């Protein structure tokens, strides 16, 4: 059955998500099947930004499981279809305290630009989303998961914000997914 699924994915040029028996690597391999026979297959690996990462040949009997249509693959297909919209040279990171970021909030809010806010709660503490409103003390933020779905609205104190980032590849990727789901009305 697995070989049949691989052949079908090859013929239909469908993304696949394959888990391989490998004690050193528990991640799945995602991409397009470019060659397949009863003993082995070649997969053109695709990263989370829709870029090809090269090809790998595996024996079919090393496949632990194979997925052909899961939420991650559907999201990745959106990224691949819009791959030309991603620009790695657009990232802007600003390390300032919350109230000093006031001048940047207006543009980010008006253009609904996906923004990552950094906080002083603990190292690597951040939220991704869209600025809905702000005043001299607080910011109202629509939190968006990296899969593009809305997580809710939260009000943060500006004193807790230590910086922001926008237009990085992660923000652009999330923006593409968010816009795709927003246009379809899909709320997860």
Protein backbone atom coordinates (compact mmCIF):
# COMPACT_ATOMS: atom_id res chain seq x y z
CA UNK A 1 0.00 0.00 0.00
CA UNK A 2 2.82 2.45 0.84
CA UNK A 3 4.47 2.04 -2.57
CA UNK A 4 1.09 2.63 -4.19
CA UNK A 5 0.66 5.87 -2.20
CA UNK A 6 4.15 7.01 -3.21
CA UNK A 7 3.41 6.31 -6.88
CA UNK A 8 0.11 8.16 -6.63
CA UNK A 9 1.81 11.17 -5.01
CA UNK A 10 4.43 11.11 -7.77
CA UNK A 11 1.85 10.96 -10.57
CA UNK A 12 -0.33 13.68 -9.05
CA UNK A 13 2.63 15.84 -7.97
CA UNK A 14 1.27 15.99 -4.41
CA UNK A 15 3.18 17.03 -1.32
CA UNK A 16 3.86 14.19 1.11
CA UNK A 17 4.81 14.10 4.77
CA UNK A 18 6.83 10.96 5.53
CA UNK A 19 8.14 9.70 8.86
CA UNK A 20 11.20 7.51 8.47
CA UNK A 21 12.45 4.89 10.92
CA UNK A 22 15.60 6.63 12.09
CA UNK A 23 16.75 6.63 15.73
CA UNK A 24 18.79 9.81 15.20
CA UNK A 25 16.10 11.87 13.43
CA UNK A 26 12.47 12.03 14.56
CA UNK A 27 11.41 14.78 12.14
CA UNK A 28 9.36 14.02 9.10
CA UNK A 29 10.54 14.52 5.54
CA UNK A 30 8.26 16.75 3.49
CA UNK A 31 8.34 17.27 -0.25
CA UNK A 32 7.53 15.88 -3.67
CA UNK A 33 8.27 12.35 -4.82
CA UNK A 34 10.46 12.58 -7.95
CA UNK A 35 11.24 8.88 -8.46
CA UNK A 36 9.74 5.72 -7.04
CA UNK A 37 9.95 1.95 -7.51
CA UNK A 38 9.15 -1.04 -5.29
CA UNK A 39 12.39 -0.71 -3.32
CA UNK A 40 13.25 3.00 -3.04
CA UNK A 41 12.03 6.52 -3.69
CA UNK A 42 13.52 9.98 -4.11
CA UNK A 43 11.94 12.95 -2.39
CA UNK A 44 12.63 16.58 -3.29
CA UNK A 45 12.54 18.10 0.18
CA UNK A 46 10.68 21.38 0.75
CA UNK A 47 11.30 23.59 3.80
CA UNK A 48 8.70 25.58 5.75
CA UNK A 49 9.21 28.60 3.48
CA UNK A 50 8.41 26.64 0.31
CA UNK A 51 12.01 26.35 -0.86
CA UNK A 52 13.55 23.15 -2.20
CA UNK A 53 16.28 21.83 0.12
CA UNK A 54 17.67 19.13 -2.16
CA UNK A 55 16.71 15.51 -2.73
CA UNK A 56 17.13 12.39 -0.62
CA UNK A 57 16.80 8.73 -1.57
CA UNK A 58 15.23 6.32 0.95
CA UNK A 59 14.32 2.67 0.93
CA UNK A 60 10.55 2.17 0.98
CA UNK A 61 10.82 -0.23 3.92
CA UNK A 62 12.17 2.64 6.10
CA UNK A 63 8.83 4.48 5.94
CA UNK A 64 7.13 4.53 9.31
CA UNK A 65 4.03 6.37 8.00
CA UNK A 66 3.01 8.67 5.19
CA UNK A 67 0.51 11.55 5.12
CA UNK A 68 -0.84 12.97 1.89
CA UNK A 69 -3.31 15.62 3.00
CA UNK A 70 -2.83 17.04 6.47
CA UNK A 71 -3.18 20.62 7.72
CA UNK A 72 0.56 21.26 7.54
CA UNK A 73 0.76 20.15 3.90
CA UNK A 74 -2.25 22.30 2.99
CA UNK A 75 -0.59 25.30 4.66
CA UNK A 76 2.72 24.56 2.97
CA UNK A 77 0.97 24.39 -0.41
CA UNK A 78 -0.33 27.93 0.18
CA UNK A 79 3.25 29.04 0.90
CA UNK A 80 4.55 27.29 -2.23
CA UNK A 81 1.81 28.84 -4.38
CA UNK A 82 2.77 32.29 -3.03
CA UNK A 83 6.49 31.66 -2.74
CA UNK A 84 7.37 34.62 -4.96
CA UNK A 85 5.83 37.01 -2.39
CA UNK A 86 8.39 36.12 0.29
CA UNK A 87 11.36 38.46 0.49
CA UNK A 88 14.19 37.66 2.87
CA UNK A 89 15.62 41.19 2.66
CA UNK A 90 12.61 42.98 4.21
CA UNK A 91 13.06 42.16 7.91
CA UNK A 92 13.04 45.08 10.32
CA UNK A 93 13.90 44.54 14.00
CA UNK A 94 13.73 47.36 16.52
CA UNK A 95 15.00 46.96 20.08
CA UNK A 96 13.45 49.77 22.09
CA UNK A 97 11.20 49.92 25.11
CA UNK A 98 7.46 49.89 24.44
CA UNK A 99 6.72 53.61 24.67
CA UNK A 100 9.66 54.38 22.37
CA UNK A 101 8.02 52.20 19.68
CA UNK A 102 4.96 54.45 19.47
CA UNK A 103 6.02 55.99 16.14
CA UNK A 104 6.19 52.51 14.54
CA UNK A 105 2.84 51.29 15.87
CA UNK A 106 0.79 53.64 13.67
CA UNK A 107 2.11 52.30 10.34
CA UNK A 108 1.97 48.66 11.50
CA UNK A 109 -1.63 49.12 12.66
CA UNK A 110 -2.83 50.96 9.55
CA UNK A 111 -1.31 48.44 7.13
CA UNK A 112 -2.20 45.40 9.30
CA UNK A 113 1.39 44.17 9.09
CA UNK A 114 2.17 40.91 10.87
CA UNK A 115 4.38 41.90 13.81
CA UNK A 116 6.35 40.03 16.43
CA UNK A 117 6.41 41.76 19.82
CA UNK A 118 9.23 40.93 22.24
CA UNK A 119 8.64 41.04 25.99
CA UNK A 120 10.83 41.33 29.09
CA UNK A 121 9.04 38.52 30.95
CA UNK A 122 11.72 35.97 30.10
CA UNK A 123 14.22 35.22 27.35
CA UNK A 124 12.64 34.33 23.99
CA UNK A 125 9.22 35.59 25.09
CA UNK A 126 7.31 36.94 22.09
CA UNK A 127 3.90 37.09 20.44
CA UNK A 128 3.06 37.19 16.74
CA UNK A 129 0.06 39.08 15.45
CA UNK A 130 -1.52 42.34 14.31
CA UNK A 131 -1.78 45.62 16.21
CA UNK A 132 -5.43 46.56 16.60
CA UNK A 133 -5.04 49.66 18.77
CA UNK A 134 -2.69 51.33 21.23
CA UNK A 135 -2.51 54.27 23.61
CA UNK A 136 0.14 55.69 25.93
CA UNK A 137 0.00 52.67 28.28
CA UNK A 138 -1.25 49.61 26.36
CA UNK A 139 -1.40 47.84 23.03
CA UNK A 140 -4.33 45.74 21.81
CA UNK A 141 -2.94 42.83 19.81
CA UNK A 142 -4.65 40.14 17.71
CA UNK A 143 -2.47 37.08 18.30
CA UNK A 144 -1.91 34.88 15.24
CA UNK A 145 -0.39 31.40 15.32
CA UNK A 146 2.38 30.52 12.89
CA UNK A 147 -0.23 28.50 10.97
CA UNK A 148 -2.15 31.72 10.23
CA UNK A 149 -5.07 31.12 12.56
CA UNK A 150 -6.33 33.68 15.06
CA UNK A 151 -5.50 32.83 18.67
CA UNK A 152 -7.36 35.68 20.32
CA UNK A 153 -7.02 39.30 21.32
CA UNK A 154 -4.79 40.37 24.20
CA UNK A 155 -4.05 43.75 25.76
CA UNK A 156 -0.40 44.19 26.81
CA UNK A 157 1.23 46.97 28.81
CA UNK A 158 3.76 48.90 26.75
CA UNK A 159 6.24 48.78 29.66
CA UNK A 160 6.54 45.02 29.14
CA UNK A 161 7.51 45.30 25.45
CA UNK A 162 11.24 45.37 24.65
CA UNK A 163 11.10 45.44 20.85
CA UNK A 164 9.40 44.33 17.68
CA UNK A 165 10.11 42.68 14.37
CA UNK A 166 8.18 42.80 11.12
CA UNK A 167 8.58 41.54 7.56
CA UNK A 168 10.94 38.70 8.49
CA UNK A 169 10.36 35.39 6.70
CA UNK A 170 8.38 34.02 9.66
CA UNK A 171 6.13 37.07 9.74
CA UNK A 172 5.67 37.01 5.96
CA UNK A 173 4.86 33.30 6.01
CA UNK A 174 2.29 33.77 8.77
CA UNK A 175 0.83 36.79 6.94
CA UNK A 176 0.33 34.70 3.78
CA UNK A 177 -1.50 32.00 5.73
CA UNK A 178 -3.53 34.50 7.76
CA UNK A 179 -4.62 36.34 4.60
CA UNK A 180 -5.54 33.05 2.90
CA UNK A 181 -7.74 31.98 5.83
CA UNK A 182 -9.15 35.48 6.32
CA UNK A 183 -10.27 35.51 2.66
CA UNK A 184 -12.02 32.13 3.03
CA UNK A 185 -13.57 32.92 6.41
CA UNK A 186 -11.94 29.77 7.85
CA UNK A 187 -11.43 30.33 11.59
CA UNK A 188 -9.97 26.85 12.32
